[in-house]
Protein backbone atom coordinates (compact mmCIF):
# COMPACT_ATOMS: atom_id res chain seq x y z
CA MET A 1 176.72 138.63 93.98
CA PHE A 2 175.16 136.35 96.27
CA LEU A 3 172.69 138.79 97.58
CA ILE A 4 171.55 139.93 93.94
CA GLY A 5 170.99 136.03 93.10
CA SER A 6 168.91 134.81 96.06
CA GLY A 7 166.71 138.13 95.73
CA ALA A 8 166.55 136.84 91.83
CA THR A 9 165.69 133.25 92.91
CA LEU A 10 163.08 134.85 95.09
CA GLY A 11 161.48 137.03 92.29
CA ILE A 12 161.32 133.52 90.62
CA VAL A 13 159.26 131.88 93.47
CA VAL A 14 156.97 134.87 94.01
CA LEU A 15 155.76 134.99 90.44
CA SER A 16 155.66 131.41 89.72
CA ILE A 17 153.30 131.55 92.60
CA ILE A 18 151.57 133.95 91.49
CA ILE A 19 150.93 132.61 88.12
CA VAL A 20 150.02 129.18 89.35
CA LEU A 21 147.04 131.40 91.46
CA ILE A 22 146.30 133.01 88.45
CA LEU A 23 145.62 129.71 86.73
CA LEU A 24 144.09 128.02 89.61
CA TYR A 25 141.71 131.23 89.88
CA PHE A 26 140.84 130.94 86.01
CA ILE A 27 140.17 127.04 86.18
CA SER A 28 137.88 128.10 88.99
CA ARG A 29 135.87 130.03 86.68
CA ILE A 30 135.15 127.06 84.00
CA ARG A 31 131.38 125.42 85.16
CA ILE A 32 130.60 122.02 83.86
CA VAL A 33 126.55 122.27 83.15
CA ARG A 34 124.88 118.61 83.77
CA GLN A 35 121.91 117.54 81.10
CA THR A 36 119.55 117.80 84.14
CA ASN A 37 120.65 121.75 85.60
CA LYS A 38 120.22 124.68 83.91
CA TYR A 39 122.44 127.65 85.10
CA VAL A 40 121.36 131.07 85.43
CA VAL A 41 124.21 133.53 84.72
CA GLU A 42 124.65 137.56 85.97
CA ARG A 43 126.92 139.74 85.57
CA LEU A 44 127.41 142.86 87.07
CA GLY A 45 124.58 142.02 88.76
CA ALA A 46 122.27 141.62 85.98
CA PHE A 47 120.67 138.86 84.21
CA HIS A 48 123.18 137.85 81.41
CA LYS A 49 121.84 134.16 80.17
CA VAL A 50 121.12 130.54 81.08
CA TRP A 51 123.40 128.10 80.26
CA GLY A 52 122.70 124.95 78.63
CA VAL A 53 124.67 121.25 79.13
CA GLY A 54 128.72 121.81 77.70
CA VAL A 55 131.71 123.14 79.25
CA LYS A 56 131.45 126.49 80.39
CA PHE A 57 133.56 129.84 80.85
CA LEU A 58 132.85 132.51 83.79
CA CYS A 59 134.26 136.02 82.93
CA PRO A 60 136.26 136.80 86.31
CA PHE A 61 134.98 140.04 88.30
CA ILE A 62 132.10 140.36 86.85
CA ASP A 63 130.15 136.80 85.86
CA LYS A 64 128.56 134.91 88.79
CA VAL A 65 126.15 131.87 88.55
CA ALA A 66 123.16 133.08 90.90
CA TYR A 67 121.17 130.06 90.13
CA ILE A 68 121.74 126.59 89.40
CA ILE A 69 117.76 124.90 88.54
CA SER A 70 117.11 121.45 88.33
CA MET A 71 114.90 120.64 84.95
CA LYS A 72 113.64 117.30 86.20
CA GLU A 73 110.02 116.73 87.70
CA GLN A 74 109.78 117.67 91.14
CA VAL A 75 107.31 116.61 93.35
CA LYS A 76 106.30 118.12 96.57
CA ASP A 77 103.72 116.91 99.54
CA PHE A 78 102.31 119.80 101.00
CA ALA A 79 101.30 119.36 104.94
CA PRO A 80 97.34 118.77 105.72
CA GLN A 81 95.38 122.03 105.17
CA PRO A 82 92.35 122.51 107.33
CA VAL A 83 89.32 122.85 105.24
CA ILE A 84 85.50 123.28 105.23
CA THR A 85 83.00 121.50 103.49
CA LYS A 86 79.74 123.50 102.08
CA ASP A 87 77.81 121.67 104.94
CA ASN A 88 80.05 123.07 107.83
CA VAL A 89 82.24 119.61 108.41
CA LYS A 90 85.58 120.51 109.20
CA MET A 91 88.27 118.22 107.99
CA ASP A 92 91.83 118.06 107.09
CA ILE A 93 93.35 117.84 103.21
CA ASP A 94 97.14 117.20 102.18
CA THR A 95 98.32 117.16 98.64
CA VAL A 96 100.53 115.80 96.05
CA VAL A 97 101.91 118.50 93.52
CA PHE A 98 104.35 117.33 90.78
CA PHE A 99 106.07 119.85 88.67
CA GLN A 100 108.38 120.89 86.03
CA VAL A 101 110.30 124.44 85.60
CA THR A 102 109.73 125.11 81.91
CA ASP A 103 111.54 128.35 81.92
CA PRO A 104 114.59 128.93 84.47
CA LYS A 105 114.63 132.88 84.03
CA LEU A 106 110.97 133.07 85.12
CA TYR A 107 111.56 130.76 87.98
CA ALA A 108 114.98 132.14 89.49
CA TYR A 109 113.34 135.95 88.86
CA GLY A 110 109.53 135.65 88.61
CA VAL A 111 108.52 134.99 92.73
CA GLU A 112 110.78 134.68 95.64
CA ASN A 113 110.70 131.26 97.35
CA PRO A 114 108.57 129.08 94.02
CA LEU A 115 107.78 126.00 95.97
CA SER A 116 106.76 128.39 99.63
CA ALA A 117 104.49 130.19 96.62
CA ILE A 118 102.73 126.80 94.70
CA GLU A 119 102.27 125.48 98.77
CA ASN A 120 100.29 128.56 99.59
CA LEU A 121 98.44 128.57 96.25
CA SER A 122 97.73 124.76 96.14
CA ALA A 123 96.17 125.37 100.12
CA THR A 124 93.60 128.43 98.93
CA THR A 125 92.42 127.02 95.69
CA LEU A 126 92.01 123.74 97.76
CA ARG A 127 89.92 125.39 100.13
CA ASN A 128 88.00 127.19 97.20
CA ILE A 129 87.21 124.13 95.82
CA ILE A 130 86.16 122.08 98.98
CA GLY A 131 83.84 124.92 99.99
CA GLU A 132 81.32 124.36 96.74
CA LEU A 133 81.05 120.49 98.02
CA ASP A 134 79.34 118.72 101.09
CA LEU A 135 80.75 115.84 102.42
CA ASP A 136 79.83 113.49 100.64
CA GLU A 137 80.44 114.63 97.12
CA THR A 138 84.11 115.58 98.97
CA LEU A 139 84.62 112.05 99.60
CA THR A 140 83.70 110.44 96.45
CA SER A 141 84.94 113.10 93.84
CA ARG A 142 88.84 113.06 94.10
CA ASP A 143 88.87 113.07 90.59
CA ILE A 144 87.20 116.06 89.91
CA ILE A 145 89.06 117.75 92.97
CA ASN A 146 92.71 116.91 91.32
CA SER A 147 92.07 118.04 87.90
CA ARG A 148 90.07 121.40 89.30
CA MET A 149 92.99 122.48 91.12
CA ARG A 150 95.96 121.32 88.88
CA ALA A 151 93.90 123.23 85.86
CA ILE A 152 94.09 126.28 88.24
CA LEU A 153 97.79 125.96 89.61
CA ASP A 154 99.08 125.41 86.14
CA GLU A 155 97.50 128.49 85.00
CA ALA A 156 98.62 130.04 88.18
CA THR A 157 102.12 129.63 88.14
CA ASP A 158 102.59 129.74 84.48
CA PRO A 159 104.41 133.20 84.72
CA TRP A 160 106.57 131.48 86.82
CA GLY A 161 108.21 129.51 84.94
CA ILE A 162 106.49 126.48 86.35
CA LYS A 163 104.23 123.33 84.60
CA VAL A 164 102.15 121.52 87.02
CA ASN A 165 101.53 118.48 85.90
CA ARG A 166 99.57 116.72 88.31
CA VAL A 167 97.85 117.34 91.36
CA GLU A 168 96.63 114.32 93.59
CA VAL A 169 94.52 114.32 96.75
CA LYS A 170 96.72 112.48 98.91
CA ASN A 171 94.39 112.14 102.43
CA ILE A 172 91.24 113.07 103.43
CA ILE A 173 91.15 113.07 107.20
CA PRO A 174 87.34 113.63 108.87
CA PRO A 175 86.44 114.28 112.32
CA ARG A 176 86.56 111.75 114.79
CA ASP A 177 82.96 111.98 115.26
CA ILE A 178 82.11 111.98 111.33
CA GLN A 179 84.53 109.01 111.12
CA GLU A 180 82.47 106.94 113.70
CA ALA A 181 79.48 107.94 111.76
CA MET A 182 81.08 106.94 108.77
CA GLU A 183 81.69 102.95 109.93
CA ARG A 184 78.12 102.62 111.31
CA GLN A 185 76.77 103.57 108.57
CA MET A 186 79.55 101.17 106.18
CA ARG A 187 78.56 98.79 109.16
CA ALA A 188 74.41 99.09 108.47
CA GLU A 189 75.02 99.16 104.51
CA ARG A 190 76.72 95.81 104.72
CA GLU A 191 74.28 94.26 107.06
CA ARG A 192 71.46 95.46 104.56
CA ARG A 193 73.31 93.97 101.12
CA GLU A 194 73.51 90.64 103.39
CA LYS A 195 69.82 90.62 104.40
CA ILE A 196 69.13 91.20 100.80
CA LEU A 197 71.77 88.38 99.83
CA LEU A 198 70.06 85.99 102.24
CA ALA A 199 66.44 87.07 100.89
CA GLU A 200 67.07 86.62 97.42
CA GLY A 201 68.58 83.18 98.43
CA GLU A 202 65.30 82.42 99.78
CA LYS A 203 63.51 83.63 96.93
CA LYS A 204 65.53 81.68 94.38
CA SER A 205 65.29 78.83 96.78
CA GLN A 206 60.96 78.38 97.00
CA ILE A 207 61.22 79.41 93.34
CA LEU A 208 62.90 76.17 92.92
CA LEU A 209 60.76 74.23 94.95
CA ALA A 210 58.05 75.39 93.25
CA GLU A 211 59.48 74.76 90.30
CA GLY A 212 60.02 71.07 91.54
CA GLN A 213 56.53 70.56 92.43
CA LYS A 214 55.32 71.70 89.19
CA GLU A 215 57.56 69.27 87.35
CA SER A 216 56.34 66.33 89.34
CA GLN A 217 52.71 67.22 88.95
CA ILE A 218 53.08 67.59 85.21
CA LEU A 219 54.56 64.11 85.16
CA LYS A 220 52.12 62.43 87.41
CA ALA A 221 49.64 64.07 85.41
CA ASP A 222 51.20 62.67 82.22
CA ALA A 223 51.70 59.29 83.86
CA ASP A 224 47.69 59.43 85.18
CA LYS A 225 46.80 60.01 81.25
CA GLN A 226 49.18 57.50 79.99
CA ALA A 227 47.44 55.06 82.26
CA THR A 228 43.77 55.77 81.14
CA VAL A 229 44.54 55.91 77.82
CA LEU A 230 45.89 52.62 78.27
CA LYS A 231 42.89 51.20 80.19
CA ALA A 232 40.49 52.45 77.64
CA GLU A 233 42.60 51.17 74.76
CA ALA A 234 42.61 47.57 76.77
CA GLU A 235 38.74 47.78 77.49
CA ALA A 236 38.42 48.67 73.89
CA ALA A 237 40.21 45.77 72.82
CA ALA A 238 38.26 43.53 75.15
CA ILE A 239 34.74 45.32 73.84
CA LEU A 240 35.76 44.21 70.20
CA LYS A 241 36.89 40.52 70.89
CA VAL A 242 33.09 40.18 72.86
CA LYS A 243 31.62 41.66 69.73
CA GLN A 244 33.34 39.40 67.70
CA ALA A 245 33.16 36.58 69.48
CA GLU A 246 29.07 37.70 69.11
CA ALA A 247 29.42 38.00 65.68
CA GLU A 248 31.29 34.47 65.25
CA GLY A 249 28.35 33.22 67.11
CA ILE A 250 25.41 34.46 64.65
CA ARG A 251 27.45 33.49 61.86
CA LEU A 252 27.54 30.05 63.16
CA ILE A 253 23.94 29.95 63.66
CA ARG A 254 22.62 30.83 60.37
CA GLU A 255 25.07 28.35 58.77
CA ALA A 256 23.09 26.04 60.28
CA GLU A 257 19.76 27.46 60.02
CA ALA A 258 20.81 27.75 55.99
CA GLU A 259 22.16 23.77 56.47
CA GLY A 260 18.62 23.30 58.23
CA LEU A 261 16.14 24.34 55.46
CA LYS A 262 18.47 23.29 52.81
CA ALA A 263 18.18 19.58 54.49
CA LEU A 264 14.47 20.02 54.90
CA ASN A 265 14.40 20.98 51.00
CA ASN A 266 16.40 17.84 50.12
CA ALA A 267 14.69 14.83 50.14
CA ASN A 268 17.65 12.75 49.92
CA VAL A 269 19.04 13.70 53.51
CA SER A 270 18.53 10.87 56.08
CA GLN A 271 17.33 11.63 59.19
CA GLU A 272 20.53 10.39 60.64
CA VAL A 273 22.53 13.56 58.95
CA LEU A 274 20.11 15.75 59.82
CA THR A 275 20.60 14.51 64.04
CA ILE A 276 24.02 15.37 63.57
CA ARG A 277 23.68 18.63 61.82
CA SER A 278 21.38 19.63 64.75
CA TYR A 279 23.73 18.33 67.42
CA GLU A 280 27.13 20.16 65.68
CA ALA A 281 24.62 23.39 65.24
CA LEU A 282 23.97 23.06 69.03
CA LYS A 283 27.60 22.60 70.03
CA ASP A 284 28.41 25.72 68.42
CA LEU A 285 25.60 27.91 69.65
CA ALA A 286 26.50 26.99 73.25
CA ASN A 287 30.10 27.71 72.70
CA GLY A 288 29.01 31.39 71.63
CA GLN A 289 27.35 34.60 73.31
CA ALA A 290 23.90 33.67 73.04
CA THR A 291 21.80 34.23 76.25
CA LYS A 292 18.97 31.79 74.78
CA ILE A 293 18.72 28.56 73.80
CA ILE A 294 15.61 26.45 73.07
CA VAL A 295 16.45 22.85 72.96
CA PRO A 296 13.51 20.91 72.03
CA SER A 297 12.13 17.79 73.88
CA GLU A 298 11.87 15.57 70.29
CA LEU A 299 15.42 15.95 69.12
CA GLN A 300 14.17 13.20 66.19
CA ASN A 301 11.45 16.04 64.50
CA VAL A 302 13.86 18.28 62.05
CA ALA A 303 11.23 20.62 61.47
CA THR A 304 10.81 21.62 65.06
CA LEU A 305 14.67 21.80 65.20
CA ALA A 306 14.57 24.02 62.62
CA THR A 307 11.43 26.15 64.28
CA THR A 308 14.40 26.43 67.33
CA ILE A 309 17.05 27.47 65.47
CA LYS A 310 14.97 30.21 63.13
CA GLU A 311 13.53 31.92 66.60
CA THR A 312 17.02 31.57 68.45
CA VAL A 313 18.95 33.53 65.30
CA GLU A 314 15.77 36.13 65.10
CA THR A 315 16.62 37.03 68.55
CA GLU A 316 20.17 37.61 68.22
CA VAL A 317 19.98 39.45 65.30
CA LYS A 318 17.17 42.03 66.92
CA LYS A 319 19.71 42.07 70.25
CA SER A 320 22.27 43.15 67.48
CA ALA A 321 20.21 45.60 65.84
CA LYS A 322 19.70 47.15 69.79
């Protein structure tokens, strides 16, 4: 009885262990697929399906996960590749490729080692493109190189389920002698620009000096002009004053002559009045601008004084007429 009971207990233990192992095996066949990954499942060695995000179960003994593929954009920095330009200059260029898997099945079965394939394809494409450019174009045409490489790689990798989003030329490393020549060229270019800037500064300085001298001469000429105008106006005013004084003298002489003639025609005028009038006329005449004054020896002779005044007036009139 004891032996039978011990055998039953052992059988139950063994059965329990087997059940636990079976449960563990089935649990191990459960897969949790993350959002950024895709699982390529094979059944009996052939492609079965692609699993997306979620909890999945592999059929025991017949299914297996062949590939776990990331769907995120990937970056591959390739080693520098030796290339030769159109003008036979050898240099090293390294590129960076940004790509993303679009079809997990094609990526898994389209090409053996897709990353190596992309690297080799990138190297050959880069050599072809650089072979059509000379050194200067290679150094200044990075955007053209990037766009052409991206278009070629994207088309070539499409059967592999890969989308090439971007290609960047990271470094262009020319030979040492070319680098030294480029440095000398850049140094000469900087010196040339320096000389041009100095020459332009000197030119502008000379122009400003010339403009300053021009403005100074113009201002000086305006000042001389104004001074000449003012001087001419002053001389004209002086001449006007002289002529006015001459005209006033002539007027006074004429008035004196008229009074003398009136005195001759009027017998009632006394000799004393005529004498006084004669002195006043001579006084006014002496104060004028007349150049000829004749004083008679007999001031009491009114007729002689009248004649003298008449001659003086006629002389002044002739001078004014001239």
